[in-house]
PDB file of N, CA and C in Angstrom:
ATOM      1  N   UNK A   1     118.770  76.775 156.220  1.00  0.00           N
ATOM      2  CA  UNK A   1     118.666  76.207 154.897  1.00  0.00           C
ATOM      3  C   UNK A   1     117.783  77.118 154.046  1.00  0.00           C
ATOM      4  N   UNK A   2     118.273  77.545 152.879  1.00  0.00           N
ATOM      5  CA  UNK A   2     117.565  78.469 152.002  1.00  0.00           C
ATOM      6  C   UNK A   2     116.601  77.698 151.105  1.00  0.00           C
ATOM      7  N   UNK A   3     115.443  78.315 150.858  1.00  0.00           N
ATOM      8  CA  UNK A   3     114.483  77.687 149.948  1.00  0.00           C
ATOM      9  C   UNK A   3     114.884  77.994 148.518  1.00  0.00           C
ATOM     10  N   UNK A   4     114.558  77.071 147.625  1.00  0.00           N
ATOM     11  CA  UNK A   4     114.948  77.260 146.229  1.00  0.00           C
ATOM     12  C   UNK A   4     114.058  78.315 145.565  1.00  0.00           C
ATOM     13  N   UNK A   5     114.591  78.912 144.525  1.00  0.00           N
ATOM     14  CA  UNK A   5     113.882  79.967 143.787  1.00  0.00           C
ATOM     15  C   UNK A   5     112.611  79.412 143.148  1.00  0.00           C
ATOM     16  N   UNK A   6     112.675  78.185 142.629  1.00  0.00           N
ATOM     17  CA  UNK A   6     111.499  77.583 141.997  1.00  0.00           C
ATOM     18  C   UNK A   6     110.381  77.358 143.012  1.00  0.00           C
ATOM     19  N   UNK A   7     110.755  76.990 144.247  1.00  0.00           N
ATOM     20  CA  UNK A   7     109.752  76.778 145.290  1.00  0.00           C
ATOM     21  C   UNK A   7     109.056  78.101 145.643  1.00  0.00           C
ATOM     22  N   UNK A   8     109.814  79.185 145.681  1.00  0.00           N
ATOM     23  CA  UNK A   8     109.233  80.502 145.966  1.00  0.00           C
ATOM     24  C   UNK A   8     108.301  80.923 144.832  1.00  0.00           C
ATOM     25  N   UNK A   9     108.679  80.642 143.576  1.00  0.00           N
ATOM     26  CA  UNK A   9     107.809  80.969 142.435  1.00  0.00           C
ATOM     27  C   UNK A   9     106.514  80.171 142.485  1.00  0.00           C
ATOM     28  N   UNK A  10     106.607  78.876 142.832  1.00  0.00           N
ATOM     29  CA  UNK A  10     105.395  78.064 142.947  1.00  0.00           C
ATOM     30  C   UNK A  10     104.481  78.610 144.040  1.00  0.00           C
ATOM     31  N   UNK A  11     105.072  79.011 145.156  1.00  0.00           N
ATOM     32  CA  UNK A  11     104.279  79.573 146.244  1.00  0.00           C
ATOM     33  C   UNK A  11     103.604  80.880 145.813  1.00  0.00           C
ATOM     34  N   UNK A  12     104.328  81.721 145.081  1.00  0.00           N
ATOM     35  CA  UNK A  12     103.755  82.983 144.595  1.00  0.00           C
ATOM     36  C   UNK A  12     102.637  82.724 143.592  1.00  0.00           C
ATOM     37  N   UNK A  13     102.804  81.702 142.748  1.00  0.00           N
ATOM     38  CA  UNK A  13     101.775  81.365 141.753  1.00  0.00           C
ATOM     39  C   UNK A  13     100.491  80.909 142.448  1.00  0.00           C
ATOM     40  N   UNK A  14     100.627  80.063 143.467  1.00  0.00           N
ATOM     41  CA  UNK A  14      99.461  79.580 144.210  1.00  0.00           C
ATOM     42  C   UNK A  14      98.798  80.739 144.958  1.00  0.00           C
ATOM     43  N   UNK A  15      99.603  81.603 145.539  1.00  0.00           N
ATOM     44  CA  UNK A  15      99.076  82.755 146.266  1.00  0.00           C
ATOM     45  C   UNK A  15      98.282  83.666 145.331  1.00  0.00           C
ATOM     46  N   UNK A  16      98.788  83.893 144.132  1.00  0.00           N
ATOM     47  CA  UNK A  16      98.082  84.744 143.163  1.00  0.00           C
ATOM     48  C   UNK A  16      96.776  84.105 142.722  1.00  0.00           C
ATOM     49  N   UNK A  17      96.771  82.771 142.579  1.00  0.00           N
ATOM     50  CA  UNK A  17      95.548  82.092 142.167  1.00  0.00           C
ATOM     51  C   UNK A  17      94.490  82.182 143.270  1.00  0.00           C
ATOM     52  N   UNK A  18      94.912  82.056 144.528  1.00  0.00           N
ATOM     53  CA  UNK A  18      93.971  82.102 145.650  1.00  0.00           C
ATOM     54  C   UNK A  18      93.361  83.491 145.799  1.00  0.00           C
ATOM     55  N   UNK A  19      94.177  84.536 145.699  1.00  0.00           N
ATOM     56  CA  UNK A  19      93.704  85.899 145.940  1.00  0.00           C
ATOM     57  C   UNK A  19      93.329  86.653 144.664  1.00  0.00           C
ATOM     58  N   UNK A  20      93.229  85.951 143.556  1.00  0.00           N
ATOM     59  CA  UNK A  20      92.800  86.514 142.264  1.00  0.00           C
ATOM     60  C   UNK A  20      93.683  87.669 141.812  1.00  0.00           C
ATOM     61  N   UNK A  21      94.983  87.465 141.877  1.00  0.00           N
ATOM     62  CA  UNK A  21      95.943  88.429 141.350  1.00  0.00           C
ATOM     63  C   UNK A  21      96.603  87.837 140.117  1.00  0.00           C
ATOM     64  N   UNK A  22      97.246  88.682 139.335  1.00  0.00           N
ATOM     65  CA  UNK A  22      97.983  88.198 138.169  1.00  0.00           C
ATOM     66  C   UNK A  22      99.387  87.804 138.590  1.00  0.00           C
ATOM     67  N   UNK A  23      99.808  86.654 138.119  1.00  0.00           N
ATOM     68  CA  UNK A  23     101.156  86.177 138.424  1.00  0.00           C
ATOM     69  C   UNK A  23     102.121  86.843 137.457  1.00  0.00           C
ATOM     70  N   UNK A  24     103.067  87.617 138.000  1.00  0.00           N
ATOM     71  CA  UNK A  24     103.994  88.388 137.181  1.00  0.00           C
ATOM     72  C   UNK A  24     105.390  88.298 137.802  1.00  0.00           C
ATOM     73  N   UNK A  25     106.103  87.181 137.584  1.00  0.00           N
ATOM     74  CA  UNK A  25     107.415  87.031 138.228  1.00  0.00           C
ATOM     75  C   UNK A  25     108.473  87.975 137.665  1.00  0.00           C
ATOM     76  N   UNK A  26     108.316  88.467 136.432  1.00  0.00           N
ATOM     77  CA  UNK A  26     109.299  89.391 135.852  1.00  0.00           C
ATOM     78  C   UNK A  26     109.064  90.828 136.294  1.00  0.00           C
ATOM     79  N   UNK A  27     107.979  91.079 137.004  1.00  0.00           N
ATOM     80  CA  UNK A  27     107.597  92.401 137.501  1.00  0.00           C
ATOM     81  C   UNK A  27     107.487  93.433 136.369  1.00  0.00           C
ATOM     82  N   UNK A  28     106.836  93.020 135.296  1.00  0.00           N
ATOM     83  CA  UNK A  28     106.588  93.925 134.175  1.00  0.00           C
ATOM     84  C   UNK A  28     105.406  94.834 134.513  1.00  0.00           C
ATOM     85  N   UNK A  29     105.373  95.996 133.879  1.00  0.00           N
ATOM     86  CA  UNK A  29     104.253  96.920 134.079  1.00  0.00           C
ATOM     87  C   UNK A  29     103.136  96.526 133.119  1.00  0.00           C
ATOM     88  N   UNK A  30     102.124  95.876 133.640  1.00  0.00           N
ATOM     89  CA  UNK A  30     101.052  95.343 132.809  1.00  0.00           C
ATOM     90  C   UNK A  30      99.791  96.201 132.835  1.00  0.00           C
ATOM     91  N   UNK A  31      99.719  97.178 133.699  1.00  0.00           N
ATOM     92  CA  UNK A  31      98.531  98.022 133.776  1.00  0.00           C
ATOM     93  C   UNK A  31      97.406  97.395 134.563  1.00  0.00           C
ATOM     94  N   UNK A  32      97.710  96.448 135.432  1.00  0.00           N
ATOM     95  CA  UNK A  32      96.665  95.764 136.197  1.00  0.00           C
ATOM     96  C   UNK A  32      95.950  96.699 137.163  1.00  0.00           C
ATOM     97  N   UNK A  33      96.654  97.709 137.655  1.00  0.00           N
ATOM     98  CA  UNK A  33      96.034  98.657 138.582  1.00  0.00           C
ATOM     99  C   UNK A  33      94.877  99.379 137.899  1.00  0.00           C
ATOM    100  N   UNK A  34      95.078  99.745 136.649  1.00  0.00           N
ATOM    101  CA  UNK A  34      94.034 100.442 135.901  1.00  0.00           C
ATOM    102  C   UNK A  34      92.913  99.474 135.541  1.00  0.00           C
ATOM    103  N   UNK A  35      93.270  98.250 135.175  1.00  0.00           N
ATOM    104  CA  UNK A  35      92.260  97.281 134.755  1.00  0.00           C
ATOM    105  C   UNK A  35      91.394  96.797 135.918  1.00  0.00           C
ATOM    106  N   UNK A  36      91.899  96.860 137.150  1.00  0.00           N
ATOM    107  CA  UNK A  36      91.120  96.435 138.312  1.00  0.00           C
ATOM    108  C   UNK A  36      90.095  97.473 138.740  1.00  0.00           C
ATOM    109  N   UNK A  37      90.240  98.704 138.307  1.00  0.00           N
ATOM    110  CA  UNK A  37      89.323  99.758 138.730  1.00  0.00           C
ATOM    111  C   UNK A  37      87.936  99.533 138.135  1.00  0.00           C
ATOM    112  N   UNK A  38      86.942 100.139 138.788  1.00  0.00           N
ATOM    113  CA  UNK A  38      85.576 100.037 138.278  1.00  0.00           C
ATOM    114  C   UNK A  38      85.466 100.714 136.930  1.00  0.00           C
ATOM    115  N   UNK A  39      84.622 100.187 136.069  1.00  0.00           N
ATOM    116  CA  UNK A  39      84.424 100.777 134.751  1.00  0.00           C
ATOM    117  C   UNK A  39      83.669 102.093 134.884  1.00  0.00           C
ATOM    118  N   UNK A  40      84.076 103.084 134.094  1.00  0.00           N
ATOM    119  CA  UNK A  40      83.451 104.405 134.154  1.00  0.00           C
ATOM    120  C   UNK A  40      82.390 104.592 133.079  1.00  0.00           C
ATOM    121  N   UNK A  41      82.280 103.670 132.163  1.00  0.00           N
ATOM    122  CA  UNK A  41      81.352 103.817 131.043  1.00  0.00           C
ATOM    123  C   UNK A  41      79.909 104.035 131.450  1.00  0.00           C
ATOM    124  N   UNK A  42      79.353 103.186 132.322  1.00  0.00           N
ATOM    125  CA  UNK A  42      77.950 103.385 132.708  1.00  0.00           C
ATOM    126  C   UNK A  42      77.704 104.724 133.395  1.00  0.00           C
ATOM    127  N   UNK A  43      78.655 105.191 134.185  1.00  0.00           N
ATOM    128  CA  UNK A  43      78.491 106.476 134.871  1.00  0.00           C
ATOM    129  C   UNK A  43      78.506 107.614 133.856  1.00  0.00           C
ATOM    130  N   UNK A  44      79.425 107.548 132.900  1.00  0.00           N
ATOM    131  CA  UNK A  44      79.504 108.601 131.890  1.00  0.00           C
ATOM    132  C   UNK A  44      78.295 108.574 130.961  1.00  0.00           C
ATOM    133  N   UNK A  45      77.751 107.383 130.709  1.00  0.00           N
ATOM    134  CA  UNK A  45      76.594 107.283 129.822  1.00  0.00           C
ATOM    135  C   UNK A  45      75.348 107.892 130.447  1.00  0.00           C
ATOM    136  N   UNK A  46      75.258 107.871 131.768  1.00  0.00           N
ATOM    137  CA  UNK A  46      74.077 108.426 132.433  1.00  0.00           C
ATOM    138  C   UNK A  46      74.291 109.861 132.890  1.00  0.00           C
ATOM    139  N   UNK A  47      75.330 110.510 132.439  1.00  0.00           N
ATOM    140  CA  UNK A  47      75.617 111.890 132.861  1.00  0.00           C
ATOM    141  C   UNK A  47      74.522 112.846 132.388  1.00  0.00           C
ATOM    142  N   UNK A  48      74.150 112.757 131.110  1.00  0.00           N
ATOM    143  CA  UNK A  48      73.116 113.627 130.567  1.00  0.00           C
ATOM    144  C   UNK A  48      71.755 112.945 130.711  1.00  0.00           C
ATOM    145  N   UNK A  49      70.701 113.717 130.903  1.00  0.00           N
ATOM    146  CA  UNK A  49      69.378 113.096 131.023  1.00  0.00           C
ATOM    147  C   UNK A  49      68.941 112.488 129.701  1.00  0.00           C
ATOM    148  N   UNK A  50      68.028 111.548 129.795  1.00  0.00           N
ATOM    149  CA  UNK A  50      67.536 110.891 128.589  1.00  0.00           C
ATOM    150  C   UNK A  50      66.772 111.886 127.724  1.00  0.00           C
ATOM    151  N   UNK A  51      66.865 111.699 126.402  1.00  0.00           N
ATOM    152  CA  UNK A  51      66.211 112.606 125.460  1.00  0.00           C
ATOM    153  C   UNK A  51      64.706 112.358 125.486  1.00  0.00           C
ATOM    154  N   UNK A  52      63.951 113.438 125.586  1.00  0.00           N
ATOM    155  CA  UNK A  52      62.504 113.320 125.549  1.00  0.00           C
ATOM    156  C   UNK A  52      62.030 113.488 124.113  1.00  0.00           C
ATOM    157  N   UNK A  53      60.795 113.139 123.876  1.00  0.00           N
ATOM    158  CA  UNK A  53      60.227 113.242 122.538  1.00  0.00           C
ATOM    159  C   UNK A  53      59.965 114.709 122.225  1.00  0.00           C
ATOM    160  N   UNK A  54      60.404 115.138 121.054  1.00  0.00           N
ATOM    161  CA  UNK A  54      60.190 116.524 120.647  1.00  0.00           C
ATOM    162  C   UNK A  54      59.049 116.583 119.632  1.00  0.00           C
ATOM    163  N   UNK A  55      58.645 117.788 119.339  1.00  0.00           N
ATOM    164  CA  UNK A  55      57.572 117.979 118.365  1.00  0.00           C
ATOM    165  C   UNK A  55      58.012 117.528 116.980  1.00  0.00           C
ATOM    166  N   UNK A  56      59.296 117.730 116.673  1.00  0.00           N
ATOM    167  CA  UNK A  56      59.828 117.322 115.370  1.00  0.00           C
ATOM    168  C   UNK A  56      59.757 115.792 115.217  1.00  0.00           C
ATOM    169  N   UNK A  57      59.971 115.043 116.305  1.00  0.00           N
ATOM    170  CA  UNK A  57      59.863 113.587 116.251  1.00  0.00           C
ATOM    171  C   UNK A  57      58.435 113.166 115.915  1.00  0.00           C
ATOM    172  N   UNK A  58      57.459 113.847 116.504  1.00  0.00           N
ATOM    173  CA  UNK A  58      56.061 113.534 116.194  1.00  0.00           C
ATOM    174  C   UNK A  58      55.731 113.859 114.741  1.00  0.00           C
ATOM    175  N   UNK A  59      56.247 114.974 114.243  1.00  0.00           N
ATOM    176  CA  UNK A  59      56.011 115.324 112.843  1.00  0.00           C
ATOM    177  C   UNK A  59      56.587 114.260 111.917  1.00  0.00           C
ATOM    178  N   UNK A  60      57.803 113.820 112.195  1.00  0.00           N
ATOM    179  CA  UNK A  60      58.435 112.811 111.348  1.00  0.00           C
ATOM    180  C   UNK A  60      57.711 111.476 111.429  1.00  0.00           C
ATOM    181  N   UNK A  61      57.084 111.180 112.562  1.00  0.00           N
ATOM    182  CA  UNK A  61      56.347 109.933 112.712  1.00  0.00           C
ATOM    183  C   UNK A  61      55.069 109.946 111.885  1.00  0.00           C
ATOM    184  N   UNK A  62      54.336 111.054 111.900  1.00  0.00           N
ATOM    185  CA  UNK A  62      53.040 111.116 111.233  1.00  0.00           C
ATOM    186  C   UNK A  62      53.111 111.584 109.790  1.00  0.00           C
ATOM    187  N   UNK A  63      54.240 112.058 109.331  1.00  0.00           N
ATOM    188  CA  UNK A  63      54.361 112.549 107.956  1.00  0.00           C
ATOM    189  C   UNK A  63      54.152 111.446 106.907  1.00  0.00           C
ATOM    190  N   UNK A  64      54.704 110.227 107.072  1.00  0.00           N
ATOM    191  CA  UNK A  64      54.451 109.190 106.059  1.00  0.00           C
ATOM    192  C   UNK A  64      52.987 108.778 105.963  1.00  0.00           C
ATOM    193  N   UNK A  65      52.219 109.001 107.018  1.00  0.00           N
ATOM    194  CA  UNK A  65      50.801 108.648 107.001  1.00  0.00           C
ATOM    195  C   UNK A  65      49.945 109.705 106.313  1.00  0.00           C
ATOM    196  N   UNK A  66      50.553 110.807 105.933  1.00  0.00           N
ATOM    197  CA  UNK A  66      49.825 111.869 105.262  1.00  0.00           C
ATOM    198  C   UNK A  66      49.191 112.859 106.218  1.00  0.00           C
ATOM    199  N   UNK A  67      49.477 112.749 107.488  1.00  0.00           N
ATOM    200  CA  UNK A  67      48.920 113.674 108.470  1.00  0.00           C
ATOM    201  C   UNK A  67      49.843 114.875 108.604  1.00  0.00           C
ATOM    202  N   UNK A  68      49.255 116.046 108.562  1.00  0.00           N
ATOM    203  CA  UNK A  68      50.062 117.257 108.694  1.00  0.00           C
ATOM    204  C   UNK A  68      49.903 117.804 110.106  1.00  0.00           C
ATOM    205  N   UNK A  69      50.951 118.375 110.603  1.00  0.00           N
ATOM    206  CA  UNK A  69      50.934 118.975 111.934  1.00  0.00           C
ATOM    207  C   UNK A  69      51.331 120.435 111.809  1.00  0.00           C
ATOM    208  N   UNK A  70      50.977 121.199 112.790  1.00  0.00           N
ATOM    209  CA  UNK A  70      51.265 122.627 112.774  1.00  0.00           C
ATOM    210  C   UNK A  70      52.228 122.937 113.908  1.00  0.00           C
ATOM    211  N   UNK A  71      53.395 123.450 113.550  1.00  0.00           N
ATOM    212  CA  UNK A  71      54.393 123.842 114.542  1.00  0.00           C
ATOM    213  C   UNK A  71      54.391 125.361 114.610  1.00  0.00           C
ATOM    214  N   UNK A  72      53.876 125.888 115.692  1.00  0.00           N
ATOM    215  CA  UNK A  72      53.722 127.334 115.810  1.00  0.00           C
ATOM    216  C   UNK A  72      55.076 128.042 115.851  1.00  0.00           C
ATOM    217  N   UNK A  73      56.062 127.442 116.509  1.00  0.00           N
ATOM    218  CA  UNK A  73      57.387 128.067 116.594  1.00  0.00           C
ATOM    219  C   UNK A  73      58.035 128.149 115.213  1.00  0.00           C
ATOM    220  N   UNK A  74      57.910 127.085 114.419  1.00  0.00           N
ATOM    221  CA  UNK A  74      58.478 127.092 113.065  1.00  0.00           C
ATOM    222  C   UNK A  74      57.746 128.102 112.181  1.00  0.00           C
ATOM    223  N   UNK A  75      56.432 128.186 112.342  1.00  0.00           N
ATOM    224  CA  UNK A  75      55.654 129.143 111.563  1.00  0.00           C
ATOM    225  C   UNK A  75      56.051 130.582 111.918  1.00  0.00           C
ATOM    226  N   UNK A  76      56.271 130.851 113.202  1.00  0.00           N
ATOM    227  CA  UNK A  76      56.720 132.186 113.621  1.00  0.00           C
ATOM    228  C   UNK A  76      58.094 132.507 113.052  1.00  0.00           C
ATOM    229  N   UNK A  77      58.971 131.518 113.023  1.00  0.00           N
ATOM    230  CA  UNK A  77      60.319 131.730 112.484  1.00  0.00           C
ATOM    231  C   UNK A  77      60.263 132.077 110.998  1.00  0.00           C
ATOM    232  N   UNK A  78      59.470 131.307 110.237  1.00  0.00           N
ATOM    233  CA  UNK A  78      59.343 131.584 108.802  1.00  0.00           C
ATOM    234  C   UNK A  78      58.719 132.960 108.558  1.00  0.00           C
ATOM    235  N   UNK A  79      57.752 133.330 109.381  1.00  0.00           N
ATOM    236  CA  UNK A  79      57.111 134.636 109.233  1.00  0.00           C
ATOM    237  C   UNK A  79      58.095 135.770 109.515  1.00  0.00           C
ATOM    238  N   UNK A  80      58.938 135.608 110.540  1.00  0.00           N
ATOM    239  CA  UNK A  80      59.920 136.652 110.845  1.00  0.00           C
ATOM    240  C   UNK A  80      60.967 136.758 109.745  1.00  0.00           C
ATOM    241  N   UNK A  81      61.298 135.651 109.100  1.00  0.00           N
ATOM    242  CA  UNK A  81      62.234 135.694 107.969  1.00  0.00           C
ATOM    243  C   UNK A  81      61.616 136.463 106.809  1.00  0.00           C
ATOM    244  N   UNK A  82      60.335 136.229 106.532  1.00  0.00           N
ATOM    245  CA  UNK A  82      59.652 136.935 105.446  1.00  0.00           C
ATOM    246  C   UNK A  82      59.594 138.440 105.730  1.00  0.00           C
ATOM    247  N   UNK A  83      59.316 138.809 106.965  1.00  0.00           N
ATOM    248  CA  UNK A  83      59.258 140.231 107.322  1.00  0.00           C
ATOM    249  C   UNK A  83      60.629 140.871 107.167  1.00  0.00           C
ATOM    250  N   UNK A  84      61.677 140.159 107.569  1.00  0.00           N
ATOM    251  CA  UNK A  84      63.035 140.690 107.437  1.00  0.00           C
ATOM    252  C   UNK A  84      63.401 140.861 105.968  1.00  0.00           C
ATOM    253  N   UNK A  85      62.971 139.935 105.109  1.00  0.00           N
ATOM    254  CA  UNK A  85      63.249 140.052 103.671  1.00  0.00           C
ATOM    255  C   UNK A  85      62.547 141.270 103.078  1.00  0.00           C
ATOM    256  N   UNK A  86      61.322 141.511 103.514  1.00  0.00           N
ATOM    257  CA  UNK A  86      60.585 142.662 102.999  1.00  0.00           C
ATOM    258  C   UNK A  86      61.256 143.973 103.403  1.00  0.00           C
ATOM    259  N   UNK A  87      61.886 143.998 104.564  1.00  0.00           N
ATOM    260  CA  UNK A  87      62.585 145.200 105.010  1.00  0.00           C
ATOM    261  C   UNK A  87      63.998 145.287 104.451  1.00  0.00           C
ATOM    262  N   UNK A  88      64.432 144.264 103.701  1.00  0.00           N
ATOM    263  CA  UNK A  88      65.782 144.257 103.143  1.00  0.00           C
ATOM    264  C   UNK A  88      66.829 143.770 104.124  1.00  0.00           C
ATOM    265  N   UNK A  89      66.426 143.050 105.158  1.00  0.00           N
ATOM    266  CA  UNK A  89      67.357 142.585 106.185  1.00  0.00           C
ATOM    267  C   UNK A  89      67.639 141.084 106.081  1.00  0.00           C
ATOM    268  N   UNK A  90      67.191 140.454 105.029  1.00  0.00           N
ATOM    269  CA  UNK A  90      67.417 139.020 104.872  1.00  0.00           C
ATOM    270  C   UNK A  90      68.832 138.715 104.431  1.00  0.00           C
ATOM    271  N   UNK A  91      69.110 137.448 104.235  1.00  0.00           N
ATOM    272  CA  UNK A  91      70.449 137.080 103.789  1.00  0.00           C
ATOM    273  C   UNK A  91      70.635 137.523 102.348  1.00  0.00           C
ATOM    274  N   UNK A  92      71.864 137.822 101.930  1.00  0.00           N
ATOM    275  CA  UNK A  92      72.085 138.282 100.560  1.00  0.00           C
ATOM    276  C   UNK A  92      71.856 137.162  99.556  1.00  0.00           C
ATOM    277  N   UNK A  93      71.473 137.556  98.343  1.00  0.00           N
ATOM    278  CA  UNK A  93      71.239 136.577  97.296  1.00  0.00           C
ATOM    279  C   UNK A  93      72.561 136.005  96.825  1.00  0.00           C
ATOM    280  N   UNK A  94      72.498 134.775  96.319  1.00  0.00           N
ATOM    281  CA  UNK A  94      73.707 134.145  95.805  1.00  0.00           C
ATOM    282  C   UNK A  94      74.127 134.818  94.511  1.00  0.00           C
ATOM    283  N   UNK A  95      75.423 134.819  94.263  1.00  0.00           N
ATOM    284  CA  UNK A  95      75.958 135.401  93.042  1.00  0.00           C
ATOM    285  C   UNK A  95      75.639 134.462  91.885  1.00  0.00           C
ATOM    286  N   UNK A  96      75.107 134.988  90.801  1.00  0.00           N
ATOM    287  CA  UNK A  96      74.685 134.151  89.680  1.00  0.00           C
ATOM    288  C   UNK A  96      75.572 134.391  88.471  1.00  0.00           C
ATOM    289  N   UNK A  97      76.826 133.947  88.529  1.00  0.00           N
ATOM    290  CA  UNK A  97      77.715 134.041  87.374  1.00  0.00           C
ATOM    291  C   UNK A  97      78.185 132.644  87.027  1.00  0.00           C
ATOM    292  N   UNK A  98      78.496 132.447  85.755  1.00  0.00           N
ATOM    293  CA  UNK A  98      79.007 131.158  85.317  1.00  0.00           C
ATOM    294  C   UNK A  98      80.409 130.973  85.874  1.00  0.00           C
ATOM    295  N   UNK A  99      80.858 129.735  85.943  1.00  0.00           N
ATOM    296  CA  UNK A  99      82.146 129.432  86.566  1.00  0.00           C
ATOM    297  C   UNK A  99      83.301 130.078  85.820  1.00  0.00           C
ATOM    298  N   UNK A 100      83.293 130.046  84.497  1.00  0.00           N
ATOM    299  CA  UNK A 100      84.405 130.596  83.736  1.00  0.00           C
ATOM    300  C   UNK A 100      84.185 132.011  83.265  1.00  0.00           C
ATOM    301  N   UNK A 101      83.052 132.633  83.563  1.00  0.00           N
ATOM    302  CA  UNK A 101      82.711 133.947  83.026  1.00  0.00           C
ATOM    303  C   UNK A 101      83.100 135.101  83.946  1.00  0.00           C
ATOM    304  N   UNK A 102      83.446 134.836  85.194  1.00  0.00           N
ATOM    305  CA  UNK A 102      83.751 135.907  86.138  1.00  0.00           C
ATOM    306  C   UNK A 102      85.120 136.498  85.814  1.00  0.00           C
ATOM    307  N   UNK A 103      85.208 137.793  85.463  1.00  0.00           N
ATOM    308  CA  UNK A 103      86.499 138.364  85.069  1.00  0.00           C
ATOM    309  C   UNK A 103      87.474 138.488  86.234  1.00  0.00           C
ATOM    310  N   UNK A 104      86.992 138.551  87.459  1.00  0.00           N
ATOM    311  CA  UNK A 104      87.914 138.699  88.583  1.00  0.00           C
ATOM    312  C   UNK A 104      88.656 137.404  88.890  1.00  0.00           C
ATOM    313  N   UNK A 105      88.153 136.262  88.393  1.00  0.00           N
ATOM    314  CA  UNK A 105      88.816 134.985  88.638  1.00  0.00           C
ATOM    315  C   UNK A 105      89.787 134.639  87.517  1.00  0.00           C
ATOM    316  N   UNK A 106      89.849 135.422  86.511  1.00  0.00           N
ATOM    317  CA  UNK A 106      90.704 135.134  85.369  1.00  0.00           C
ATOM    318  C   UNK A 106      92.162 135.403  85.718  1.00  0.00           C
ATOM    319  N   UNK A 107      93.068 134.578  85.174  1.00  0.00           N
ATOM    320  CA  UNK A 107      94.501 134.778  85.422  1.00  0.00           C
ATOM    321  C   UNK A 107      94.997 136.016  84.684  1.00  0.00           C
ATOM    322  N   UNK A 108      94.379 136.344  83.553  1.00  0.00           N
ATOM    323  CA  UNK A 108      94.787 137.534  82.812  1.00  0.00           C
ATOM    324  C   UNK A 108      94.446 138.789  83.611  1.00  0.00           C
ATOM    325  N   UNK A 109      93.326 138.768  84.335  1.00  0.00           N
ATOM    326  CA  UNK A 109      92.925 139.903  85.150  1.00  0.00           C
ATOM    327  C   UNK A 109      93.897 140.094  86.320  1.00  0.00           C
ATOM    328  N   UNK A 110      94.313 138.981  86.933  1.00  0.00           N
ATOM    329  CA  UNK A 110      95.209 139.045  88.085  1.00  0.00           C
ATOM    330  C   UNK A 110      96.593 139.517  87.664  1.00  0.00           C
ATOM    331  N   UNK A 111      97.093 139.027  86.513  1.00  0.00           N
ATOM    332  CA  UNK A 111      98.428 139.382  86.053  1.00  0.00           C
ATOM    333  C   UNK A 111      98.472 140.755  85.403  1.00  0.00           C
ATOM    334  N   UNK A 112      97.330 141.287  85.040  1.00  0.00           N
ATOM    335  CA  UNK A 112      97.274 142.601  84.411  1.00  0.00           C
ATOM    336  C   UNK A 112      97.664 142.560  82.945  1.00  0.00           C
ATOM    337  N   UNK A 113      97.479 141.437  82.293  1.00  0.00           N
ATOM    338  CA  UNK A 113      97.844 141.292  80.874  1.00  0.00           C
ATOM    339  C   UNK A 113      96.736 141.792  79.999  1.00  0.00           C
TER     340      UNK A 113
END
């Protein structure tokens, strides 16, 4: 004697409830295999070490209070920039022409009129 299809579905539903599975009689691809896996977020979040306090953070903290701090690395950088400028090795100066006054940007110059 064959069991009815509805009885088999009821048995499958109870079995899924007992073993904490999803009941899917149509056998659709629901992505349950991926959803059952452990979450990777916490592992990826701890990949890089935690950020430590930098000197710039301390400067920003004490600046509103009117306290000044001295950053030797920043001072050395500014000094090397000044020395490079004196030797002519600094960045070039910006071009100081008005927007409509540059003859090379004119359409008459490009067309040769």
